[in-house]
């Protein structure tokens, strides 16, 4: 028989889920605060409202910090939409409740799925805390600022530029990749010798009894 690992107690598994997510939220918010301090101007005087065409996502932007010229830089951006700027130009009265509602549903779904994980779903066990932490980090931004602070910019050349992102986005991306890998069929482990039943040996026919003494012609 193959031994099955018993599932960890629910309380301990949820502690891992929210513990990893909390660490990601802290890292995400600390790096975003650094980006606001180092890559944007002080919020003094009058400025165009957030999430309007007048500021084009850069109301307070300073010169970027270049790490690898033409490829990697830190550049302050206020993302009013979702991934790849989705719905960024939509009216706030529609955009704000939409993203808040989607975030709440996603968070509830992640917690629900995590509670039902099987012990062998290790990749999914790491993917869900990463996605939850990323979702909570960006959710906090939308509640406090009504936009998400992005600052990491990657590009191969002038035409191939990845949308500016943050630590929360990176965690979500890694989590989604792990989810995809978890969906691949797993190779079954070869059965151990003890699990393989020995073929049944047919019972030998009983030997014919020799003639009893006195039995003769």
N, C-alpha and C. Protein backbone atom coordinates (compact mmCIF):
# COMPACT_ATOMS: atom_id res chain seq x y z
N UNK A 1 0.84 -1.20 0.00
CA UNK A 1 0.00 0.00 0.00
C UNK A 1 0.87 1.25 0.00
N UNK A 2 0.38 2.33 -0.66
CA UNK A 2 1.12 3.58 -0.71
C UNK A 2 0.65 4.50 0.41
N UNK A 3 1.58 4.99 1.22
CA UNK A 3 1.20 5.86 2.32
C UNK A 3 0.78 7.21 1.79
N UNK A 4 -0.27 7.80 2.35
CA UNK A 4 -0.75 9.13 1.98
C UNK A 4 -0.46 10.08 3.13
N UNK A 5 0.12 11.24 2.80
CA UNK A 5 0.43 12.22 3.83
C UNK A 5 -0.87 12.83 4.35
N UNK A 6 -1.12 12.78 5.64
CA UNK A 6 -2.35 13.36 6.15
C UNK A 6 -2.32 14.88 6.02
N UNK A 7 -3.45 15.52 5.73
CA UNK A 7 -3.46 16.97 5.59
C UNK A 7 -3.14 17.66 6.91
N UNK A 8 -2.45 18.81 6.79
CA UNK A 8 -2.13 19.59 7.99
C UNK A 8 -3.41 20.19 8.55
N UNK A 9 -3.45 20.46 9.84
CA UNK A 9 -4.64 21.09 10.42
C UNK A 9 -4.99 22.38 9.69
N UNK A 10 -6.28 22.65 9.56
CA UNK A 10 -6.74 23.83 8.81
C UNK A 10 -6.15 25.12 9.37
N UNK A 11 -6.10 25.24 10.69
CA UNK A 11 -5.59 26.47 11.29
C UNK A 11 -4.14 26.72 10.88
N UNK A 12 -3.34 25.66 10.84
CA UNK A 12 -1.93 25.83 10.46
C UNK A 12 -1.80 26.20 8.99
N UNK A 13 -2.62 25.59 8.15
CA UNK A 13 -2.55 25.91 6.72
C UNK A 13 -2.98 27.34 6.46
N UNK A 14 -4.02 27.80 7.14
CA UNK A 14 -4.45 29.19 6.97
C UNK A 14 -3.41 30.16 7.51
N UNK A 15 -2.69 29.75 8.56
CA UNK A 15 -1.62 30.60 9.08
C UNK A 15 -0.52 30.79 8.04
N UNK A 16 -0.21 29.71 7.29
CA UNK A 16 0.77 29.82 6.21
C UNK A 16 0.25 30.73 5.11
N UNK A 17 -1.00 30.54 4.73
CA UNK A 17 -1.60 31.36 3.67
C UNK A 17 -1.52 32.84 3.99
N UNK A 18 -2.03 33.21 5.17
CA UNK A 18 -2.08 34.63 5.51
C UNK A 18 -0.71 35.16 5.94
N UNK A 19 0.15 34.28 6.48
CA UNK A 19 1.49 34.72 6.85
C UNK A 19 2.31 35.13 5.63
N UNK A 20 2.32 34.27 4.60
CA UNK A 20 3.04 34.60 3.37
C UNK A 20 2.42 35.82 2.70
N UNK A 21 1.10 35.87 2.66
CA UNK A 21 0.42 37.01 2.04
C UNK A 21 0.76 38.31 2.77
N UNK A 22 0.81 38.27 4.10
CA UNK A 22 1.12 39.47 4.87
C UNK A 22 2.54 39.95 4.60
N UNK A 23 3.49 39.02 4.53
CA UNK A 23 4.87 39.40 4.22
C UNK A 23 4.95 40.08 2.85
N UNK A 24 4.20 39.58 1.90
CA UNK A 24 4.20 40.18 0.57
C UNK A 24 3.58 41.57 0.58
N UNK A 25 2.50 41.73 1.33
CA UNK A 25 1.87 43.05 1.42
C UNK A 25 2.84 44.06 2.03
N UNK A 26 3.54 43.67 3.08
CA UNK A 26 4.51 44.58 3.72
C UNK A 26 5.62 44.94 2.73
N UNK A 27 6.17 43.93 2.04
CA UNK A 27 7.23 44.20 1.07
C UNK A 27 6.72 45.09 -0.06
N UNK A 28 5.51 44.83 -0.51
CA UNK A 28 4.93 45.62 -1.59
C UNK A 28 4.74 47.08 -1.18
N UNK A 29 4.18 47.29 0.01
CA UNK A 29 3.91 48.66 0.44
C UNK A 29 5.19 49.42 0.77
N UNK A 30 6.19 48.73 1.31
CA UNK A 30 7.46 49.41 1.59
C UNK A 30 8.14 49.86 0.29
N UNK A 31 8.12 49.00 -0.72
CA UNK A 31 8.75 49.37 -1.99
C UNK A 31 7.95 50.47 -2.70
N UNK A 32 6.64 50.43 -2.58
CA UNK A 32 5.83 51.50 -3.18
C UNK A 32 6.07 52.83 -2.47
N UNK A 33 6.22 52.79 -1.15
CA UNK A 33 6.51 54.02 -0.42
C UNK A 33 7.87 54.57 -0.83
N UNK A 34 8.84 53.67 -1.02
CA UNK A 34 10.15 54.11 -1.51
C UNK A 34 10.02 54.77 -2.88
N UNK A 35 9.22 54.17 -3.76
CA UNK A 35 9.02 54.73 -5.09
C UNK A 35 8.39 56.11 -5.02
N UNK A 36 7.43 56.29 -4.13
CA UNK A 36 6.80 57.60 -3.99
C UNK A 36 7.79 58.64 -3.46
N UNK A 37 8.68 58.22 -2.56
CA UNK A 37 9.66 59.15 -1.99
C UNK A 37 10.78 59.46 -2.97
N UNK A 38 11.26 58.44 -3.69
CA UNK A 38 12.45 58.61 -4.52
C UNK A 38 12.15 58.98 -5.97
N UNK A 39 10.97 58.62 -6.45
CA UNK A 39 10.69 58.78 -7.87
C UNK A 39 9.61 59.80 -8.18
N UNK A 40 9.04 60.43 -7.15
CA UNK A 40 7.99 61.41 -7.41
C UNK A 40 8.21 62.65 -6.55
N UNK A 41 7.66 63.75 -6.99
CA UNK A 41 7.81 65.02 -6.29
C UNK A 41 6.87 65.09 -5.10
N UNK A 42 7.16 65.95 -4.12
CA UNK A 42 6.27 66.11 -2.97
C UNK A 42 4.88 66.56 -3.42
N UNK A 43 3.86 66.11 -2.69
CA UNK A 43 2.47 66.47 -3.03
C UNK A 43 2.14 67.83 -2.46
N UNK A 44 2.66 68.87 -3.05
CA UNK A 44 2.39 70.24 -2.60
C UNK A 44 1.79 71.02 -3.74
N UNK A 45 1.00 72.03 -3.40
CA UNK A 45 0.38 72.85 -4.43
C UNK A 45 -0.76 72.11 -5.11
N UNK A 46 -1.23 72.68 -6.19
CA UNK A 46 -2.36 72.11 -6.92
C UNK A 46 -1.85 71.12 -7.97
N UNK A 47 -2.55 70.03 -8.12
CA UNK A 47 -2.19 69.02 -9.11
C UNK A 47 -3.47 68.52 -9.78
N UNK A 48 -3.32 68.03 -10.97
CA UNK A 48 -4.48 67.47 -11.67
C UNK A 48 -5.01 66.28 -10.88
N UNK A 49 -6.32 66.08 -10.88
CA UNK A 49 -6.87 64.93 -10.15
C UNK A 49 -6.28 63.62 -10.65
N UNK A 50 -6.23 62.66 -9.77
CA UNK A 50 -5.72 61.34 -10.16
C UNK A 50 -6.65 60.70 -11.18
N UNK A 51 -6.08 59.88 -12.03
CA UNK A 51 -6.84 59.09 -12.99
C UNK A 51 -7.63 59.95 -13.98
N UNK A 52 -7.03 61.03 -14.43
CA UNK A 52 -7.61 61.85 -15.49
C UNK A 52 -6.59 61.99 -16.60
N UNK A 53 -7.05 62.31 -17.80
CA UNK A 53 -6.15 62.42 -18.93
C UNK A 53 -5.15 63.56 -18.77
N UNK A 54 -5.46 64.54 -17.93
CA UNK A 54 -4.59 65.72 -17.82
C UNK A 54 -3.22 65.40 -17.26
N UNK A 55 -3.10 64.31 -16.48
CA UNK A 55 -1.78 64.02 -15.90
C UNK A 55 -1.11 62.81 -16.54
N UNK A 56 -1.86 62.02 -17.30
CA UNK A 56 -1.32 60.87 -18.03
C UNK A 56 -0.45 60.00 -17.13
N UNK A 57 -0.97 59.67 -15.97
CA UNK A 57 -0.33 58.73 -15.04
C UNK A 57 0.97 59.24 -14.45
N UNK A 58 1.28 60.51 -14.58
CA UNK A 58 2.60 60.98 -14.11
C UNK A 58 2.50 62.37 -13.49
N UNK A 59 1.55 62.58 -12.61
CA UNK A 59 1.35 63.92 -12.03
C UNK A 59 2.59 64.40 -11.29
N UNK A 60 3.27 63.51 -10.59
CA UNK A 60 4.37 63.91 -9.72
C UNK A 60 5.69 63.26 -10.13
N UNK A 61 5.77 62.74 -11.33
CA UNK A 61 6.93 61.93 -11.72
C UNK A 61 8.21 62.76 -11.81
N UNK A 62 9.28 62.21 -11.23
CA UNK A 62 10.62 62.76 -11.41
C UNK A 62 11.37 61.90 -12.43
N UNK A 63 12.61 62.24 -12.69
CA UNK A 63 13.40 61.44 -13.62
C UNK A 63 13.56 60.03 -13.08
N UNK A 64 13.47 59.03 -13.94
CA UNK A 64 13.59 57.64 -13.48
C UNK A 64 15.00 57.30 -13.03
N UNK A 65 15.11 56.24 -12.26
CA UNK A 65 16.41 55.69 -11.87
C UNK A 65 16.72 54.54 -12.82
N UNK A 66 17.78 54.67 -13.58
CA UNK A 66 18.13 53.67 -14.59
C UNK A 66 19.10 52.66 -13.98
N UNK A 67 18.74 51.39 -14.04
CA UNK A 67 19.61 50.31 -13.56
C UNK A 67 20.42 49.72 -14.71
N UNK A 68 19.75 49.35 -15.79
CA UNK A 68 20.41 48.87 -17.00
C UNK A 68 19.85 49.69 -18.15
N UNK A 69 20.67 50.56 -18.70
CA UNK A 69 20.19 51.51 -19.70
C UNK A 69 19.49 50.80 -20.87
N UNK A 70 18.28 51.27 -21.13
CA UNK A 70 17.50 50.71 -22.22
C UNK A 70 16.77 49.43 -21.90
N UNK A 71 16.92 48.95 -20.63
CA UNK A 71 16.29 47.67 -20.31
C UNK A 71 15.57 47.67 -18.95
N UNK A 72 16.21 48.16 -17.90
CA UNK A 72 15.62 48.09 -16.56
C UNK A 72 15.72 49.47 -15.91
N UNK A 73 14.60 49.95 -15.39
CA UNK A 73 14.61 51.25 -14.70
C UNK A 73 13.46 51.30 -13.70
N UNK A 74 13.54 52.23 -12.78
CA UNK A 74 12.47 52.52 -11.83
C UNK A 74 11.84 53.85 -12.24
N UNK A 75 10.54 53.83 -12.50
CA UNK A 75 9.84 55.01 -13.01
C UNK A 75 8.45 55.07 -12.38
N UNK A 76 8.16 56.14 -11.68
CA UNK A 76 6.90 56.28 -10.95
C UNK A 76 5.71 56.36 -11.91
N UNK A 77 4.68 55.57 -11.62
CA UNK A 77 3.47 55.56 -12.44
C UNK A 77 2.25 55.32 -11.55
N UNK A 78 1.18 56.02 -11.84
CA UNK A 78 -0.10 55.80 -11.17
C UNK A 78 -1.00 55.05 -12.13
N UNK A 79 -1.25 53.79 -11.85
CA UNK A 79 -2.06 52.94 -12.72
C UNK A 79 -3.50 52.92 -12.22
N UNK A 80 -4.36 53.56 -12.97
CA UNK A 80 -5.77 53.64 -12.55
C UNK A 80 -6.58 52.44 -13.02
N UNK A 81 -6.00 51.63 -13.90
CA UNK A 81 -6.71 50.46 -14.41
C UNK A 81 -6.20 49.18 -13.78
N UNK A 82 -6.44 48.10 -14.49
CA UNK A 82 -5.95 46.80 -14.04
C UNK A 82 -4.67 46.44 -14.75
N UNK A 83 -4.46 45.14 -14.97
CA UNK A 83 -3.27 44.69 -15.69
C UNK A 83 -3.27 45.28 -17.09
N UNK A 84 -2.08 45.74 -17.52
CA UNK A 84 -1.91 46.36 -18.83
C UNK A 84 -2.79 47.60 -19.00
N UNK A 85 -3.14 48.26 -17.87
CA UNK A 85 -3.94 49.48 -17.94
C UNK A 85 -5.40 49.23 -18.28
N UNK A 86 -5.88 48.01 -18.09
CA UNK A 86 -7.26 47.68 -18.42
C UNK A 86 -8.24 48.61 -17.71
N UNK A 87 -9.16 49.20 -18.47
CA UNK A 87 -10.20 50.11 -17.96
C UNK A 87 -9.61 51.37 -17.33
N UNK A 88 -8.37 51.69 -17.64
CA UNK A 88 -7.74 52.86 -17.03
C UNK A 88 -8.40 54.17 -17.39
N UNK A 89 -9.06 54.23 -18.53
CA UNK A 89 -9.72 55.47 -18.97
C UNK A 89 -11.22 55.45 -18.73
N UNK A 90 -11.71 54.42 -18.07
CA UNK A 90 -13.13 54.33 -17.77
C UNK A 90 -13.49 55.29 -16.64
N UNK A 91 -14.74 55.73 -16.62
CA UNK A 91 -15.21 56.62 -15.56
C UNK A 91 -14.96 56.00 -14.19
N UNK A 92 -14.52 56.83 -13.24
CA UNK A 92 -14.22 56.32 -11.90
C UNK A 92 -15.45 55.72 -11.23
N UNK A 93 -16.63 56.26 -11.53
CA UNK A 93 -17.85 55.73 -10.92
C UNK A 93 -18.10 54.28 -11.33
N UNK A 94 -17.54 53.85 -12.46
CA UNK A 94 -17.64 52.46 -12.88
C UNK A 94 -16.39 51.67 -12.53
N UNK A 95 -15.23 52.31 -12.75
CA UNK A 95 -13.96 51.60 -12.57
C UNK A 95 -13.71 51.24 -11.11
N UNK A 96 -13.91 52.17 -10.21
CA UNK A 96 -13.58 51.94 -8.80
C UNK A 96 -14.39 50.79 -8.19
N UNK A 97 -15.73 50.81 -8.27
CA UNK A 97 -16.48 49.68 -7.69
C UNK A 97 -16.20 48.36 -8.40
N UNK A 98 -15.89 48.43 -9.70
CA UNK A 98 -15.60 47.19 -10.44
C UNK A 98 -14.36 46.52 -9.88
N UNK A 99 -13.26 47.27 -9.75
CA UNK A 99 -12.01 46.67 -9.27
C UNK A 99 -12.09 46.29 -7.80
N UNK A 100 -12.81 47.05 -7.00
CA UNK A 100 -12.98 46.69 -5.59
C UNK A 100 -13.76 45.38 -5.49
N UNK A 101 -14.85 45.28 -6.26
CA UNK A 101 -15.65 44.06 -6.23
C UNK A 101 -14.89 42.85 -6.72
N UNK A 102 -14.14 43.01 -7.82
CA UNK A 102 -13.35 41.90 -8.35
C UNK A 102 -12.29 41.46 -7.34
N UNK A 103 -11.67 42.42 -6.66
CA UNK A 103 -10.64 42.09 -5.67
C UNK A 103 -11.22 41.29 -4.51
N UNK A 104 -12.38 41.71 -4.02
CA UNK A 104 -13.01 41.01 -2.90
C UNK A 104 -13.39 39.59 -3.29
N UNK A 105 -13.96 39.44 -4.49
CA UNK A 105 -14.34 38.10 -4.96
C UNK A 105 -13.11 37.21 -5.12
N UNK A 106 -12.04 37.78 -5.69
CA UNK A 106 -10.81 37.00 -5.89
C UNK A 106 -10.21 36.55 -4.56
N UNK A 107 -10.19 37.44 -3.58
CA UNK A 107 -9.62 37.10 -2.27
C UNK A 107 -10.44 35.99 -1.61
N UNK A 108 -11.77 36.12 -1.66
CA UNK A 108 -12.63 35.09 -1.07
C UNK A 108 -12.45 33.75 -1.79
N UNK A 109 -12.31 33.78 -3.10
CA UNK A 109 -12.13 32.55 -3.88
C UNK A 109 -10.81 31.88 -3.53
N UNK A 110 -9.74 32.66 -3.39
CA UNK A 110 -8.42 32.10 -3.07
C UNK A 110 -8.47 31.39 -1.72
N UNK A 111 -9.06 32.04 -0.72
CA UNK A 111 -9.14 31.44 0.61
C UNK A 111 -9.97 30.15 0.57
N UNK A 112 -11.07 30.18 -0.19
CA UNK A 112 -11.92 29.00 -0.28
C UNK A 112 -11.19 27.82 -0.92
N UNK A 113 -10.46 28.09 -2.01
CA UNK A 113 -9.72 27.02 -2.69
C UNK A 113 -8.60 26.49 -1.80
N UNK A 114 -7.91 27.39 -1.12
CA UNK A 114 -6.77 26.98 -0.29
C UNK A 114 -7.22 26.04 0.83
N UNK A 115 -8.40 26.27 1.36
CA UNK A 115 -8.89 25.42 2.46
C UNK A 115 -9.11 23.99 2.01
N UNK A 116 -9.31 23.77 0.71
CA UNK A 116 -9.64 22.44 0.22
C UNK A 116 -8.46 21.74 -0.46
N UNK A 117 -7.27 22.32 -0.36
CA UNK A 117 -6.12 21.73 -1.04
C UNK A 117 -5.79 20.35 -0.48
N UNK A 118 -5.35 19.48 -1.38
CA UNK A 118 -4.86 18.17 -0.99
C UNK A 118 -3.36 18.25 -0.70
N UNK A 119 -2.82 17.36 0.12
CA UNK A 119 -1.39 17.42 0.46
C UNK A 119 -0.46 17.39 -0.75
N UNK A 120 -0.87 16.72 -1.84
CA UNK A 120 0.02 16.61 -2.99
C UNK A 120 0.03 17.87 -3.85
N UNK A 121 -0.86 18.82 -3.60
CA UNK A 121 -0.94 20.04 -4.41
C UNK A 121 0.03 21.10 -3.87
N UNK A 122 1.31 20.79 -3.92
CA UNK A 122 2.31 21.68 -3.32
C UNK A 122 2.47 22.97 -4.12
N UNK A 123 2.47 22.87 -5.45
CA UNK A 123 2.63 24.07 -6.26
C UNK A 123 1.47 25.04 -6.02
N UNK A 124 0.27 24.50 -5.98
CA UNK A 124 -0.89 25.35 -5.72
C UNK A 124 -0.84 25.90 -4.31
N UNK A 125 -0.26 25.13 -3.40
CA UNK A 125 -0.12 25.60 -2.02
C UNK A 125 0.78 26.82 -1.90
N UNK A 126 1.74 26.97 -2.82
CA UNK A 126 2.58 28.18 -2.84
C UNK A 126 1.99 29.26 -3.74
N UNK A 127 1.30 28.85 -4.79
CA UNK A 127 0.75 29.82 -5.74
C UNK A 127 -0.31 30.70 -5.09
N UNK A 128 -1.21 30.10 -4.34
CA UNK A 128 -2.33 30.86 -3.79
C UNK A 128 -1.89 31.94 -2.79
N UNK A 129 -0.94 31.67 -1.86
CA UNK A 129 -0.47 32.76 -1.00
C UNK A 129 0.17 33.90 -1.78
N UNK A 130 0.90 33.58 -2.87
CA UNK A 130 1.51 34.64 -3.68
C UNK A 130 0.44 35.51 -4.34
N UNK A 131 -0.56 34.86 -4.91
CA UNK A 131 -1.63 35.62 -5.57
C UNK A 131 -2.42 36.42 -4.55
N UNK A 132 -2.69 35.82 -3.39
CA UNK A 132 -3.42 36.54 -2.35
C UNK A 132 -2.65 37.77 -1.87
N UNK A 133 -1.35 37.61 -1.61
CA UNK A 133 -0.55 38.75 -1.17
C UNK A 133 -0.52 39.86 -2.20
N UNK A 134 -0.37 39.48 -3.48
CA UNK A 134 -0.38 40.49 -4.53
C UNK A 134 -1.72 41.19 -4.65
N UNK A 135 -2.79 40.42 -4.56
CA UNK A 135 -4.13 41.02 -4.65
C UNK A 135 -4.39 41.97 -3.49
N UNK A 136 -3.97 41.59 -2.29
CA UNK A 136 -4.17 42.46 -1.13
C UNK A 136 -3.33 43.73 -1.23
N UNK A 137 -2.09 43.61 -1.75
CA UNK A 137 -1.25 44.79 -1.89
C UNK A 137 -1.85 45.82 -2.82
N UNK A 138 -2.34 45.39 -3.97
CA UNK A 138 -2.96 46.33 -4.91
C UNK A 138 -4.33 46.78 -4.43
N UNK A 139 -5.03 45.90 -3.70
CA UNK A 139 -6.33 46.28 -3.13
C UNK A 139 -6.17 47.43 -2.14
N UNK A 140 -5.11 47.38 -1.34
CA UNK A 140 -4.84 48.47 -0.39
C UNK A 140 -4.64 49.78 -1.14
N UNK A 141 -3.89 49.75 -2.24
CA UNK A 141 -3.67 50.96 -3.03
C UNK A 141 -4.99 51.54 -3.52
N UNK A 142 -5.86 50.69 -4.02
CA UNK A 142 -7.12 51.19 -4.58
C UNK A 142 -8.01 51.80 -3.50
N UNK A 143 -7.95 51.24 -2.30
CA UNK A 143 -8.74 51.80 -1.21
C UNK A 143 -8.18 53.15 -0.77
N UNK A 144 -6.86 53.25 -0.63
CA UNK A 144 -6.23 54.45 -0.09
C UNK A 144 -6.06 55.54 -1.15
N UNK A 145 -5.55 55.16 -2.34
CA UNK A 145 -5.21 56.16 -3.36
C UNK A 145 -6.20 56.20 -4.52
N UNK A 146 -6.97 55.13 -4.69
CA UNK A 146 -7.87 54.95 -5.84
C UNK A 146 -7.09 54.68 -7.13
N UNK A 147 -5.83 54.36 -7.01
CA UNK A 147 -5.01 53.89 -8.13
C UNK A 147 -3.91 53.03 -7.54
N UNK A 148 -3.17 52.33 -8.40
CA UNK A 148 -2.08 51.46 -7.95
C UNK A 148 -0.75 52.09 -8.34
N UNK A 149 0.18 52.11 -7.39
CA UNK A 149 1.51 52.65 -7.65
C UNK A 149 2.37 51.58 -8.31
N UNK A 150 2.85 51.87 -9.51
CA UNK A 150 3.78 50.99 -10.23
C UNK A 150 5.10 51.73 -10.40
N UNK A 151 6.20 50.97 -10.50
CA UNK A 151 7.49 51.66 -10.64
C UNK A 151 8.58 50.82 -11.30
N UNK A 152 8.36 49.55 -11.57
CA UNK A 152 9.38 48.71 -12.18
C UNK A 152 9.11 48.63 -13.69
N UNK A 153 10.08 49.06 -14.47
CA UNK A 153 9.91 49.09 -15.92
C UNK A 153 10.96 48.21 -16.59
N UNK A 154 10.50 47.27 -17.41
CA UNK A 154 11.38 46.37 -18.16
C UNK A 154 11.12 46.53 -19.65
N UNK A 155 12.18 46.46 -20.45
CA UNK A 155 12.02 46.54 -21.89
C UNK A 155 13.20 45.87 -22.58
N UNK A 156 12.93 45.29 -23.74
CA UNK A 156 13.99 44.71 -24.56
C UNK A 156 14.57 45.75 -25.49
N UNK A 157 13.67 46.55 -26.09
CA UNK A 157 14.09 47.68 -26.92
C UNK A 157 12.98 48.71 -26.88
N UNK A 158 13.03 49.70 -27.75
CA UNK A 158 12.04 50.77 -27.71
C UNK A 158 10.64 50.28 -28.06
N UNK A 159 10.54 49.20 -28.81
CA UNK A 159 9.24 48.69 -29.22
C UNK A 159 8.69 47.60 -28.31
N UNK A 160 9.57 46.93 -27.59
CA UNK A 160 9.14 45.85 -26.70
C UNK A 160 9.29 46.30 -25.25
N UNK A 161 8.25 46.93 -24.73
CA UNK A 161 8.25 47.48 -23.38
C UNK A 161 7.16 46.80 -22.57
N UNK A 162 7.55 46.18 -21.46
CA UNK A 162 6.56 45.54 -20.58
C UNK A 162 5.89 46.62 -19.75
N UNK A 163 4.56 46.54 -19.54
CA UNK A 163 3.89 47.54 -18.72
C UNK A 163 4.53 47.65 -17.34
N UNK A 164 4.67 48.88 -16.86
CA UNK A 164 5.27 49.12 -15.55
C UNK A 164 4.49 48.35 -14.48
N UNK A 165 5.21 47.75 -13.53
CA UNK A 165 4.55 46.91 -12.53
C UNK A 165 5.17 47.14 -11.16
N UNK A 166 4.73 46.36 -10.17
CA UNK A 166 5.22 46.49 -8.80
C UNK A 166 5.44 45.11 -8.20
N UNK A 167 5.81 45.07 -6.93
CA UNK A 167 6.09 43.79 -6.27
C UNK A 167 4.83 42.92 -6.21
N UNK A 168 3.68 43.53 -5.96
CA UNK A 168 2.43 42.77 -5.92
C UNK A 168 2.14 42.11 -7.26
N UNK A 169 2.34 42.86 -8.34
CA UNK A 169 2.13 42.29 -9.68
C UNK A 169 3.07 41.12 -9.94
N UNK A 170 4.33 41.26 -9.52
CA UNK A 170 5.31 40.19 -9.71
C UNK A 170 4.88 38.93 -8.95
N UNK A 171 4.39 39.10 -7.72
CA UNK A 171 3.93 37.95 -6.93
C UNK A 171 2.75 37.26 -7.60
N UNK A 172 1.82 38.06 -8.12
CA UNK A 172 0.66 37.48 -8.81
C UNK A 172 1.11 36.70 -10.04
N UNK A 173 2.05 37.26 -10.80
CA UNK A 173 2.54 36.60 -12.01
C UNK A 173 3.19 35.26 -11.68
N UNK A 174 4.06 35.24 -10.66
CA UNK A 174 4.70 33.99 -10.26
C UNK A 174 3.65 32.98 -9.79
N UNK A 175 2.66 33.46 -9.03
CA UNK A 175 1.60 32.57 -8.56
C UNK A 175 0.81 31.97 -9.70
N UNK A 176 0.49 32.77 -10.71
CA UNK A 176 -0.27 32.26 -11.86
C UNK A 176 0.55 31.22 -12.62
N UNK A 177 1.85 31.46 -12.76
CA UNK A 177 2.72 30.47 -13.43
C UNK A 177 2.71 29.15 -12.66
N UNK A 178 2.81 29.22 -11.33
CA UNK A 178 2.77 27.99 -10.53
C UNK A 178 1.42 27.29 -10.67
N UNK A 179 0.33 28.05 -10.76
CA UNK A 179 -0.98 27.45 -10.98
C UNK A 179 -1.01 26.70 -12.30
N UNK A 180 -0.44 27.32 -13.33
CA UNK A 180 -0.43 26.67 -14.64
C UNK A 180 0.38 25.37 -14.60
N UNK A 181 1.52 25.41 -13.91
CA UNK A 181 2.33 24.20 -13.79
C UNK A 181 1.60 23.12 -13.02
N UNK A 182 0.81 23.52 -12.03
CA UNK A 182 0.07 22.55 -11.23
C UNK A 182 -0.98 21.82 -12.06
N UNK A 183 -1.41 22.43 -13.17
CA UNK A 183 -2.45 21.83 -13.99
C UNK A 183 -1.91 20.73 -14.90
N UNK A 184 -0.57 20.68 -15.10
CA UNK A 184 0.00 19.64 -15.94
C UNK A 184 -0.20 18.28 -15.28
N UNK A 185 -0.49 17.26 -16.07
CA UNK A 185 -0.66 15.92 -15.48
C UNK A 185 0.63 15.46 -14.83
N UNK A 186 0.48 14.84 -13.68
CA UNK A 186 1.64 14.38 -12.94
C UNK A 186 1.99 12.95 -13.35
N UNK A 187 3.28 12.68 -13.38
CA UNK A 187 3.73 11.32 -13.66
C UNK A 187 3.56 10.48 -12.41
N UNK A 188 2.89 9.38 -12.57
CA UNK A 188 2.67 8.51 -11.41
C UNK A 188 3.97 7.82 -11.01
N UNK A 189 4.20 7.78 -9.72
CA UNK A 189 5.41 7.12 -9.24
C UNK A 189 5.31 5.62 -9.47
N UNK A 190 6.44 5.01 -9.81
CA UNK A 190 6.46 3.57 -10.03
C UNK A 190 6.15 2.85 -8.73
N UNK A 191 5.33 1.84 -8.77
CA UNK A 191 4.99 1.12 -7.53
C UNK A 191 6.21 0.45 -6.93
N UNK A 192 6.28 0.46 -5.63
CA UNK A 192 7.39 -0.19 -4.94
C UNK A 192 7.21 -1.69 -5.01
N UNK A 193 8.32 -2.45 -4.84
CA UNK A 193 8.20 -3.92 -4.90
C UNK A 193 7.19 -4.47 -3.92
N UNK A 194 7.07 -3.81 -2.76
CA UNK A 194 6.13 -4.34 -1.77
C UNK A 194 4.69 -4.15 -2.20
N UNK A 195 4.48 -3.12 -3.13
CA UNK A 195 3.11 -2.86 -3.57
C UNK A 195 2.69 -3.80 -4.70
N UNK A 196 3.68 -4.44 -5.31
CA UNK A 196 3.37 -5.32 -6.43
C UNK A 196 3.07 -6.71 -5.88
N UNK A 197 1.88 -7.17 -6.08
CA UNK A 197 1.49 -8.50 -5.57
C UNK A 197 2.17 -9.58 -6.38
N UNK A 198 2.73 -10.54 -5.67
CA UNK A 198 3.37 -11.66 -6.36
C UNK A 198 2.31 -12.48 -7.07
N UNK A 199 2.60 -12.92 -8.28
CA UNK A 199 1.59 -13.72 -9.00
C UNK A 199 1.26 -14.99 -8.23
N UNK A 200 0.01 -15.30 -8.24
CA UNK A 200 -0.43 -16.48 -7.50
C UNK A 200 0.13 -17.74 -8.14
N UNK A 201 0.66 -18.61 -7.31
CA UNK A 201 1.21 -19.88 -7.79
C UNK A 201 0.11 -20.93 -7.72
N UNK A 202 -0.21 -21.53 -8.84
CA UNK A 202 -1.29 -22.53 -8.79
C UNK A 202 -0.93 -23.68 -7.85
N UNK A 203 -1.90 -24.11 -7.12
CA UNK A 203 -1.66 -25.21 -6.17
C UNK A 203 -1.33 -26.49 -6.93
N UNK A 204 -0.33 -27.17 -6.40
CA UNK A 204 0.08 -28.43 -7.05
C UNK A 204 -0.95 -29.51 -6.76
N UNK A 205 -1.16 -30.35 -7.76
CA UNK A 205 -2.09 -31.45 -7.55
C UNK A 205 -1.52 -32.40 -6.51
N UNK A 206 -2.33 -32.90 -5.63
CA UNK A 206 -1.82 -33.85 -4.63
C UNK A 206 -1.28 -35.09 -5.31
N UNK A 207 -0.18 -35.63 -4.81
CA UNK A 207 0.39 -36.84 -5.44
C UNK A 207 -0.57 -38.02 -5.33
N UNK A 208 -0.51 -38.83 -6.36
CA UNK A 208 -1.37 -40.01 -6.33
C UNK A 208 -0.91 -40.96 -5.23
N UNK A 209 -1.88 -41.51 -4.53
CA UNK A 209 -1.53 -42.40 -3.43
C UNK A 209 -0.96 -43.71 -3.98
N UNK A 210 0.12 -44.13 -3.33
CA UNK A 210 0.69 -45.43 -3.74
C UNK A 210 -0.25 -46.56 -3.33
N UNK A 211 -0.13 -47.63 -4.01
CA UNK A 211 -1.00 -48.75 -3.67
C UNK A 211 -0.82 -49.22 -2.24
N UNK A 212 -1.92 -49.46 -1.60
CA UNK A 212 -1.85 -49.91 -0.22
C UNK A 212 -1.36 -51.36 -0.16
N UNK A 213 -0.69 -51.70 0.96
CA UNK A 213 -0.26 -53.11 1.09
C UNK A 213 -1.44 -54.05 0.99
N UNK A 214 -1.24 -55.05 0.30
CA UNK A 214 -2.33 -56.03 0.16
C UNK A 214 -3.15 -55.81 -1.08
N UNK A 215 -2.96 -54.62 -1.68
CA UNK A 215 -3.69 -54.38 -2.92
C UNK A 215 -2.91 -55.03 -4.04
N UNK A 216 -3.35 -55.99 -4.56
CA UNK A 216 -2.65 -56.64 -5.65
C UNK A 216 -3.64 -57.22 -6.63
N UNK A 217 -3.10 -57.80 -7.61
CA UNK A 217 -4.01 -58.42 -8.59
C UNK A 217 -4.75 -59.60 -7.99
